[in-house]
Protein backbone atom coordinates (compact mmCIF):
# COMPACT_ATOMS: atom_id res chain seq x y z
CA MET A 1 17.29 5.87 30.08
CA LEU A 2 15.15 3.82 27.75
CA SER A 3 11.95 5.52 26.61
CA GLU A 4 8.50 4.43 27.24
CA LEU A 5 8.14 2.96 23.69
CA VAL A 6 11.36 1.09 23.90
CA ASN A 7 10.49 -0.32 27.10
CA MET A 8 7.05 -1.29 26.17
CA ILE A 9 8.60 -3.10 22.89
CA LYS A 10 11.06 -5.11 25.10
CA GLN A 11 8.05 -6.78 26.81
CA LYS A 12 6.21 -7.66 23.43
CA GLN A 13 6.66 -10.35 20.86
CA ILE A 14 8.01 -8.56 17.83
CA VAL A 15 6.55 -8.77 14.43
CA ILE A 16 8.58 -7.02 11.75
CA TRP A 17 6.45 -6.31 8.59
CA GLY A 18 8.97 -5.95 5.71
CA VAL A 19 12.37 -7.32 5.46
CA GLY A 20 15.57 -6.03 3.90
CA ALA A 21 18.09 -3.30 4.69
CA ILE A 22 15.84 -1.39 7.20
CA GLN A 23 14.83 -4.44 8.91
CA THR A 24 18.33 -5.48 9.43
CA ASP A 25 19.34 -2.36 11.00
CA VAL A 26 16.53 -1.84 13.26
CA GLU A 27 16.53 -5.31 14.53
CA ALA A 28 20.15 -4.85 15.42
CA LEU A 29 20.12 -1.31 16.77
CA PHE A 30 17.31 -2.03 19.21
CA ASP A 31 18.30 -5.72 20.08
CA LEU A 32 14.86 -6.97 19.34
CA LYS A 33 13.48 -10.30 20.35
CA VAL A 34 11.82 -11.03 16.99
CA ALA A 35 8.89 -13.55 16.94
CA CYS A 36 8.24 -13.42 13.08
CA TYR A 37 8.32 -11.59 9.88
CA ILE A 38 5.69 -10.61 7.46
CA ASP A 39 6.45 -9.62 3.83
CA GLU A 40 4.17 -9.97 1.18
CA ALA A 41 6.55 -8.93 -1.45
CA LEU A 42 9.28 -11.24 -0.61
CA ASP A 43 9.57 -13.06 -3.91
CA GLN A 44 10.45 -9.65 -5.53
CA LYS A 45 13.39 -9.19 -3.47
CA ARG A 46 14.39 -12.65 -2.44
CA GLU A 47 17.82 -12.47 -4.20
CA ARG A 48 18.68 -9.39 -2.10
CA ILE A 49 18.05 -10.71 1.37
CA ALA A 50 19.66 -13.19 3.51
CA PRO A 51 18.26 -16.31 5.06
CA LEU A 52 15.49 -15.18 7.56
CA GLN A 53 16.33 -15.91 11.39
CA HIS A 54 12.65 -16.24 12.14
CA PRO A 55 9.58 -17.67 10.79
CA LEU A 56 7.74 -15.90 7.76
CA LYS A 57 4.01 -15.30 8.35
CA LYS A 58 0.95 -14.11 6.44
CA PRO A 59 -0.97 -11.35 7.94
CA ASP A 60 -4.00 -13.70 8.51
CA GLU A 61 -1.84 -15.78 10.82
CA VAL A 62 -1.42 -13.36 13.35
CA LYS A 63 -4.72 -11.69 12.93
CA MET A 64 -6.20 -13.88 15.50
CA GLU A 65 -3.43 -13.78 18.24
CA ASP A 66 -3.80 -11.90 21.43
CA LYS A 67 -3.21 -8.35 20.29
CA ASP A 68 -1.70 -7.04 23.48
CA LEU A 69 1.10 -9.57 23.08
CA LEU A 70 2.27 -8.29 19.84
CA PHE A 71 3.89 -5.26 18.51
CA PHE A 72 4.51 -4.43 14.81
CA ILE A 73 7.33 -2.50 13.28
CA ILE A 74 6.59 -1.54 9.83
CA CYS A 75 9.89 -1.50 7.87
CA GLU A 76 8.57 -0.76 4.53
CA GLN A 77 8.26 2.57 2.60
CA GLU A 78 4.47 1.92 1.98
CA TYR A 79 3.47 2.83 5.73
CA GLY A 80 0.12 3.98 4.87
CA GLU A 81 -0.98 0.87 3.05
CA ILE A 82 0.23 -1.40 5.82
CA GLN A 83 -1.12 0.88 8.40
CA GLN A 84 -4.63 0.44 6.90
CA LYS A 85 -4.29 -3.18 6.86
CA LEU A 86 -3.38 -3.42 10.52
CA ASN A 87 -6.19 -1.11 11.49
CA ASP A 88 -8.48 -3.36 9.62
CA MET A 89 -7.30 -6.11 11.79
CA GLY A 90 -7.99 -4.46 14.84
CA PHE A 91 -4.49 -3.14 15.63
CA ALA A 92 -3.82 0.46 17.03
CA GLU A 93 -1.01 2.93 16.03
CA HIS A 94 1.45 3.41 18.90
CA ARG A 95 -0.31 0.80 21.05
CA HIS A 96 0.32 -2.02 18.61
CA TYR A 97 2.44 -0.75 15.73
CA VAL A 98 4.98 1.97 14.72
CA SER A 99 6.92 2.96 11.70
CA TYR A 100 10.68 2.29 11.41
CA GLU A 101 11.20 6.15 11.28
CA ARG A 102 9.19 6.52 14.36
CA LEU A 103 11.28 3.96 16.27
CA LEU A 104 14.43 5.45 14.91
CA TYR A 105 13.70 8.75 16.66
CA GLU A 106 14.19 6.71 20.16
CA TYR A 107 17.58 5.45 19.15
CA ASP A 108 20.62 7.50 21.23
CA PHE A 109 22.21 8.16 17.75
CA GLN A 110 24.84 10.70 18.93
CA GLU A 111 27.59 8.45 19.75
CA LEU A 112 27.30 6.69 16.44
CA LEU A 113 27.07 10.11 14.58
CA ASP A 114 30.16 11.43 16.29
CA ARG A 115 31.91 8.24 15.52
CA ILE A 116 31.04 8.61 11.75
CA GLU A 117 32.18 12.10 11.86
CA ASN A 118 35.55 11.40 13.55
CA GLN A 119 36.37 8.40 11.23
CA THR A 120 37.14 8.22 7.76
CA GLN A 121 34.25 6.50 5.81
CA ALA A 122 34.06 3.73 3.04
CA LEU A 123 31.16 3.16 0.92
CA TRP A 124 30.03 -0.35 -0.02
CA GLY A 125 27.84 -0.22 -3.27
CA LEU A 126 28.15 1.68 -6.47
CA GLY A 127 24.77 0.86 -8.09
CA LYS A 128 21.31 2.39 -8.23
CA THR A 129 21.07 2.94 -4.53
CA PHE A 130 24.48 4.66 -4.59
CA LYS A 131 23.33 6.92 -7.48
CA ASP A 132 19.93 7.62 -5.73
CA TYR A 133 21.85 9.09 -2.65
CA ASN A 134 24.89 10.52 -4.47
CA ARG A 135 23.91 14.18 -3.83
CA TYR A 136 23.31 13.33 -0.10
CA ILE A 137 26.41 11.48 0.07
CA ASN A 138 28.56 14.24 -1.40
CA GLU A 139 26.65 16.84 0.94
CA ASN A 140 27.24 14.66 4.27
CA PHE A 141 30.35 12.70 3.95
CA ARG A 142 33.53 14.34 3.21
CA ARG A 143 36.22 11.71 4.28
CA ILE A 144 35.41 8.83 2.01
CA SER A 145 38.64 6.66 1.81
CA PHE A 146 37.62 4.13 -0.53
CA TYR A 147 34.64 2.03 -2.16
CA ILE A 148 33.61 -1.63 -2.30
CA ASP A 149 31.77 -3.09 -4.90
CA GLU A 150 32.18 -6.70 -5.98
CA GLN A 151 30.81 -6.24 -9.51
CA MET A 152 32.48 -2.89 -10.61
CA ALA A 153 35.77 -3.66 -9.05
CA SER A 154 37.26 -5.82 -11.70
CA GLY A 155 36.76 -2.92 -14.42
CA LEU A 156 36.37 0.46 -12.38
CA LYS A 157 39.72 0.84 -10.53
CA SER A 158 38.97 4.23 -8.96
CA LEU A 159 36.18 6.79 -8.57
CA ASP A 160 36.75 10.44 -7.68
CA GLY A 161 40.37 9.48 -6.92
CA LYS A 162 39.43 6.91 -4.34
CA ASP A 163 40.07 3.06 -4.93
CA VAL A 164 37.18 0.76 -5.93
CA LEU A 165 37.98 -2.67 -4.43
CA ALA A 166 36.39 -6.09 -4.03
CA PHE A 167 35.52 -7.08 -0.52
CA GLU A 168 38.42 -9.66 -0.26
CA ALA A 169 40.99 -6.65 -1.21
CA ALA A 170 39.24 -4.39 1.22
CA ARG A 171 39.30 -6.69 4.16
CA ASP A 172 42.55 -5.42 5.58
CA ARG A 173 41.41 -1.75 5.35
CA LEU A 174 38.23 -2.28 7.01
CA GLN A 175 39.60 -1.66 10.65
CA ASP A 176 40.53 1.87 9.80
CA VAL A 177 36.95 3.21 8.55
CA PHE A 178 33.39 3.27 9.25
CA LEU A 179 31.18 1.60 6.51
CA ILE A 180 28.23 3.02 5.10
CA ILE A 181 26.31 0.65 2.96
CA THR A 182 24.72 1.95 -0.20
CA SER A 183 23.65 -1.20 -1.73
CA ALA A 184 20.28 -2.94 -1.82
CA TYR A 185 21.93 -6.00 -0.90
CA TYR A 186 22.72 -4.89 2.68
CA PRO A 187 21.41 -8.07 4.31
CA GLN A 188 23.83 -10.11 2.55
CA ILE A 189 26.59 -7.60 3.13
CA ASP A 190 25.64 -7.87 6.97
CA ILE A 191 26.40 -11.34 7.13
CA LYS A 192 29.85 -10.95 5.60
CA LEU A 193 30.53 -8.25 7.97
CA ARG A 194 29.47 -10.12 11.18
CA SER A 195 31.62 -12.84 10.15
CA LEU A 196 34.74 -10.36 10.50
CA GLY A 197 33.34 -9.57 14.16
CA LYS A 198 31.82 -6.09 12.88
CA LYS A 199 28.61 -4.96 14.35
CA PRO A 200 25.88 -2.80 12.88
CA GLY A 201 25.57 0.44 14.41
CA VAL A 202 29.05 0.27 15.66
CA ASP A 203 31.19 -0.57 12.68
CA TYR A 204 28.58 0.10 9.59
CA ILE A 205 25.23 1.06 8.86
CA SER A 206 22.63 1.28 5.73
CA ILE A 207 22.40 4.74 4.03
CA TYR A 208 18.61 4.50 4.52
CA THR A 209 18.93 4.29 8.16
CA LEU A 210 21.73 6.97 8.52
CA GLN A 211 19.74 9.36 6.55
CA ILE A 212 16.98 9.33 8.95
CA LEU A 213 19.27 9.70 12.11
CA ILE A 214 21.31 12.48 10.48
CA ASP A 215 18.03 14.22 9.44
CA HIS A 216 16.82 13.98 12.96
CA GLN A 217 20.25 15.57 14.55
CA THR A 218 19.84 18.39 12.16
CA ARG A 219 16.77 19.62 13.63
CA LEU A 220 18.41 19.51 17.19
CA THR A 221 21.16 21.77 18.30
CA LYS A 222 24.44 20.20 18.79
CA LYS A 223 25.97 22.99 20.87
CA TYR A 224 24.13 24.14 24.08
CA SER A 225 24.50 24.83 27.80
CA PHE A 226 22.02 22.70 29.77
CA ILE A 227 21.79 23.05 33.57
CA ASP A 228 19.88 20.03 34.58
CA ARG A 229 17.13 20.05 37.21
CA ARG A 230 14.87 17.18 35.69
CA LYS A 231 12.61 15.28 37.56
CA ASN A 232 11.70 12.98 34.83
CA SER A 233 8.20 13.79 35.08
CA ASP A 234 5.34 12.81 32.38
CA ASN A 235 4.62 16.60 32.06
CA LEU A 236 7.06 19.12 30.76
CA LEU A 237 6.71 22.88 30.61
CA LEU A 238 8.94 24.73 28.28
CA VAL A 239 9.30 28.55 28.44
CA LEU A 240 10.86 30.30 25.75
CA ALA A 241 12.31 33.41 27.16
CA GLY A 242 15.25 36.00 26.88
CA TYR A 243 14.17 38.94 25.27
CA LYS A 244 11.25 40.51 27.17
CA GLU A 245 12.87 41.06 30.53
CA ARG A 246 10.33 43.72 31.74
CA LEU A 247 7.67 41.08 31.82
CA TRP A 248 9.55 38.40 33.68
CA GLU A 249 8.71 39.42 37.34
CA ASP A 250 4.98 38.73 36.74
CA ILE A 251 5.29 35.96 34.09
CA PHE A 252 7.48 33.75 36.34
CA ARG A 253 5.58 34.63 39.54
CA ARG A 254 2.54 33.13 37.77
CA ILE A 255 4.58 30.11 36.36
CA LYS A 256 5.83 29.36 39.95
CA ALA A 257 2.40 29.79 41.58
CA TYR A 258 0.41 27.84 39.06
CA THR A 259 2.61 25.05 37.67
CA PRO A 260 2.15 21.75 39.52
CA SER A 261 5.05 20.84 41.69
CA HIS A 262 5.73 17.45 40.06
CA TYR A 263 6.09 19.02 36.58
CA ASP A 264 9.53 19.46 34.85
CA VAL A 265 10.03 23.00 33.77
CA CYS A 266 12.72 24.30 31.50
CA ILE A 267 13.43 27.87 30.36
CA MET A 268 14.94 28.02 27.03
CA SER A 269 16.74 31.05 25.88
CA SER A 270 17.62 30.83 21.97
CA GLY A 271 20.57 32.83 20.95
CA LEU A 272 21.86 33.72 24.34
CA TYR A 273 22.67 32.92 27.62
CA ASP A 274 21.29 35.27 30.37
CA ILE A 275 22.55 35.35 33.96
CA ARG A 276 19.36 36.41 35.57
CA LEU A 277 17.39 33.61 33.70
CA SER A 278 19.80 31.37 35.27
CA GLU A 279 19.46 32.66 38.58
CA ILE A 280 15.45 32.58 38.41
CA CYS A 281 15.87 28.85 37.17
CA GLN A 282 18.25 28.15 40.38
CA GLN A 283 15.84 29.77 42.81
CA ASN A 284 12.79 27.78 41.61
CA GLY A 285 14.43 24.23 40.97
CA TRP A 286 14.01 24.64 37.19
CA SER A 287 16.39 23.55 34.21
CA TYR A 288 17.73 26.21 31.92
CA LEU A 289 18.71 25.48 28.33
CA SER A 290 20.57 28.03 26.24
CA THR A 291 22.01 28.06 22.83
CA GLY A 292 24.42 30.37 20.93
CA SER A 293 22.45 30.23 17.62
CA ASN A 294 19.12 31.82 17.59
CA LYS A 295 17.07 28.99 16.07
CA ILE A 296 13.86 28.42 17.71
CA SER A 297 12.54 25.14 16.50
CA ALA A 298 15.91 23.59 17.13
CA ILE A 299 16.05 24.77 20.89
CA ILE A 300 12.67 23.40 21.34
CA ASN A 301 13.41 20.00 19.62
CA THR A 302 16.48 19.91 21.83
CA ALA A 303 14.67 20.54 25.06
CA ILE A 304 12.21 17.97 24.14
CA HIS A 305 14.78 15.33 23.16
CA ILE A 306 16.60 15.87 26.53
CA HIS A 307 13.52 15.49 28.74
CA ALA A 308 12.93 11.76 27.43
CA ALA A 309 10.44 10.95 30.30
CA ALA A 310 7.88 13.67 28.98
CA LYS A 311 4.53 12.60 27.62
CA PHE A 312 2.77 15.79 27.62
CA ILE A 313 4.63 18.96 26.44
CA PHE A 314 3.43 22.55 27.46
CA LYS A 315 5.11 25.30 25.40
CA MET A 316 4.77 28.80 26.11
CA ASP A 317 6.41 32.14 25.21
CA GLU A 318 7.67 34.63 28.02
CA ASP A 319 4.84 37.10 27.23
CA ILE A 320 1.97 34.79 28.20
CA PHE A 321 0.14 35.37 31.37
CA ILE A 322 -0.96 32.17 32.54
CA THR A 323 -3.85 31.92 35.26
CA ARG A 324 -4.88 29.46 37.96
CA GLY A 325 -5.62 26.03 36.88
CA ILE A 326 -4.38 26.52 33.28
CA PHE A 327 -2.43 23.17 33.16
CA GLU A 328 -5.10 21.04 34.62
CA LYS A 329 -7.79 22.45 32.34
CA LEU A 330 -5.65 21.85 29.18
CA LEU A 331 -4.80 18.61 30.02
CA ASN A 332 -8.24 17.65 30.69
CA THR A 333 -9.45 19.16 27.68
CA TYR A 334 -6.85 17.11 25.67
CA LYS A 335 -8.09 13.91 27.31
CA VAL A 336 -11.65 14.50 27.00
CA PHE A 337 -11.45 15.58 23.35
CA GLU A 338 -9.28 12.49 22.49
CA LYS A 339 -11.72 10.27 23.93
CA LYS A 340 -15.15 11.72 22.48
CA GLU A 341 -13.93 13.13 19.04
CA ARG A 342 -12.86 11.55 16.04
CA TYR A 343 -10.08 14.39 15.32
CA GLN A 344 -6.38 13.71 15.49
CA ILE A 345 -5.48 16.18 17.71
CA GLY A 346 -2.42 18.62 16.76
CA PHE A 347 -2.43 20.68 19.89
CA VAL A 348 -4.75 22.19 22.45
CA SER A 349 -4.50 25.89 23.52
CA PRO A 350 -6.24 28.25 25.90
CA LEU A 351 -8.09 31.09 24.27
CA ILE A 352 -5.66 33.70 23.84
CA PRO A 353 -7.33 36.97 23.15
CA VAL A 354 -4.90 38.58 21.03
CA ASN A 355 -5.36 36.16 18.23
CA THR A 356 -7.06 36.05 14.98
CA TYR A 357 -9.30 33.13 16.19
CA GLY A 358 -9.20 33.22 19.86
CA TYR A 359 -10.38 36.90 20.25
CA VAL A 360 -13.56 36.08 18.24
CA ARG A 361 -14.29 33.04 20.62
CA VAL A 362 -13.62 35.41 23.72
CA LEU A 363 -15.90 38.18 22.39
CA GLU A 364 -18.67 35.51 21.63
CA LYS A 365 -18.43 34.10 25.16
CA LEU A 366 -18.80 37.58 26.64
CA HIS A 367 -21.40 38.59 24.21
CA LEU A 368 -19.25 41.71 23.20
CA GLU A 369 -19.67 41.07 19.52
CA ALA A 370 -21.70 44.43 19.17
CA GLU A 371 -19.29 46.53 21.15
CA TRP A 372 -16.24 45.16 18.97
CA GLU A 373 -18.20 45.79 15.61
CA ALA A 374 -19.01 49.36 16.63
CA ARG A 375 -15.24 50.33 17.03
CA PHE A 376 -13.45 48.04 14.66
CA GLY A 377 -15.84 46.74 12.17
CA LYS A 378 -17.32 43.29 11.11
CA LEU A 379 -16.19 40.53 13.50
CA LYS A 380 -14.89 37.69 11.33
CA TYR A 381 -12.92 34.30 11.90
CA THR A 382 -9.95 35.02 9.55
CA ASP A 383 -6.31 34.24 8.90
CA GLY A 384 -5.41 37.78 10.14
CA LEU A 385 -3.49 38.56 6.82
CA THR A 386 -5.77 39.07 4.00
CA HIS A 387 -8.98 40.51 5.52
CA HIS A 388 -10.50 41.52 9.06
CA TYR A 389 -7.01 41.86 10.50
CA GLU A 390 -7.70 44.69 12.96
CA ILE A 391 -6.74 42.32 15.85
CA SER A 392 -3.16 41.71 14.60
CA GLN A 393 -2.68 45.13 13.07
CA ASN A 394 -4.70 47.59 15.05
CA TYR A 395 -3.00 48.49 18.41
CA HIS A 396 -6.40 49.99 19.51
CA ALA A 397 -7.95 46.30 18.99
CA ALA A 398 -5.31 44.77 20.97
CA MET A 399 -5.66 47.24 23.87
CA PHE A 400 -9.26 46.90 23.73
CA MET A 401 -8.93 43.06 24.08
CA TRP A 402 -6.65 43.87 27.27
CA GLY A 403 -9.41 45.92 28.93
CA ASP A 404 -9.04 49.43 27.52
CA GLY A 405 -12.30 50.93 27.82
CA ASN A 406 -13.93 47.45 28.81
CA ARG A 407 -13.99 46.38 32.49
CA ILE A 408 -14.97 42.89 31.64
CA LEU A 409 -11.71 41.87 29.80
CA LYS A 410 -9.50 44.18 32.15
CA ASP A 411 -8.85 41.57 34.74
CA ILE A 412 -7.52 38.09 33.53
CA ASP A 413 -7.62 36.44 36.72
CA SER A 414 -11.37 37.17 37.60
CA LEU A 415 -12.28 36.41 33.85
CA SER A 416 -10.41 33.08 33.78
CA HIS A 417 -12.09 32.24 37.13
CA GLU A 418 -15.57 32.91 35.74
CA LEU A 419 -15.28 31.09 32.48
CA GLY A 420 -13.28 28.41 34.36
CA GLY A 421 -16.43 27.76 36.43
CA GLN A 422 -18.64 26.76 33.50
CA PRO A 423 -18.97 23.26 31.95
CA LEU A 424 -15.88 22.15 29.76
CA GLN A 425 -16.28 23.70 26.54
CA TYR A 426 -13.97 23.38 23.38
CA SER A 427 -13.99 24.42 19.74
CA ILE A 428 -11.84 23.37 16.74
CA CYS A 429 -9.73 25.91 15.06
CA PRO A 430 -10.16 25.83 11.20
CA ASN A 431 -7.38 28.33 10.50
CA ARG A 432 -4.02 30.00 11.63
CA TYR A 433 -3.58 29.97 15.47
CA SER A 434 -0.65 31.42 17.53
CA ILE A 435 1.27 28.85 19.68
CA GLY A 436 1.99 31.21 22.28
CA MET A 437 0.88 28.58 24.65
CA ILE A 438 0.08 25.08 23.42
CA LEU A 439 -0.10 21.51 24.77
CA PHE A 440 0.76 18.89 22.49
CA THR A 441 2.19 15.15 23.08
CA ARG A 442 5.48 13.50 22.29
CA GLU A 443 3.96 11.29 20.07
CA THR A 444 2.53 14.19 18.01
CA TRP A 445 6.09 15.62 17.98
CA MET A 446 7.67 12.78 16.81
CA ASP A 447 4.89 11.87 14.15
CA MET A 448 5.20 15.17 12.64
CA GLY A 449 9.07 14.75 12.41
CA LEU A 450 10.01 17.25 14.97
CA PHE A 451 9.68 21.18 14.69
CA PRO A 452 11.19 22.16 11.06
């Protein structure tokens, strides 16, 4: 299934900013219909590139064109500089342009990486690019059969016990290997390989592109079990569970009661498969993702990757007691804040009382500051590590926030109903915040390079 971004690009006139190795791969991998190129540094690299297949324009030439007909793909390393130029021209990120790294996150790379892993490899290019990537090559490619380098082949017959060949001498051996191009002259090499019927992304690829795809893969889980009940919804709820079974009856009852029926729900258990979780998912029509290795970031990344249609992603832990209307309120807050404020949103979260930021906001809203300070000392926003850390280290403080000796905080449903009836309010968190329940977008997830 094509992603929303790729579907949008298919309907636009593509302008590629920056020609060279990256542009060559991106254009081929996504089968782009390119209208023109922009490259203000073309003269500096003209000897390394191939003849351009589409017109070369200056930025001012596209400035006055209909912005909604164009889409820019930035294939240069200096993304920030080009981004500023496009912003000054009235173009908006994601709506009118993306970086090549962002676009490559949309590529269905698994088949390609499996092919590389299962084949022997050959490397073309032993110059500066090869030296720059030498450590990365040694760490990731263990089945190198031979090397190709037109200039060095006459004097260097072998490297690390592998033949160093000129292109003509290597032609008959190309059918048995996957070629990784480690040369700045990739656009010219691309033409030679295409003349033999080879295809980029099938038979060869540049090291620049391949590193991005491999790094993307390393943040996902390759081995997992997924029971698929997807609805392909724009909204996805991910629940990290598996270790606090005593809470499940109440937690999952609330999820079933308060999650909109059109949402995709996926329960994730990192490091284990739990038969009861699987049964709960079956009973409620939810998907279930489990992994053998306990790597939380990897399972979250994998779940988002699998749910390709999701635009808004709610992630919660198995010890979060949600209340009625939570999803609608978070989503509304996100959209209102995004429209009214100038901040770039990382994530939106409800007020979680047992949290070094959220508990202060709750106490302020309920006018309980004096009662807290009488029992636990000064009330301060803090990181919870170096000072004023009672909320994170004193269990009596946590019990107080759960209503111990304080009736106002005892019933979270009544409290949520009372506060939810007030006009929409939000605040900006300036320090550490727990991610027990957060809402973020797919774009944010990709822009930050997935969870580390």
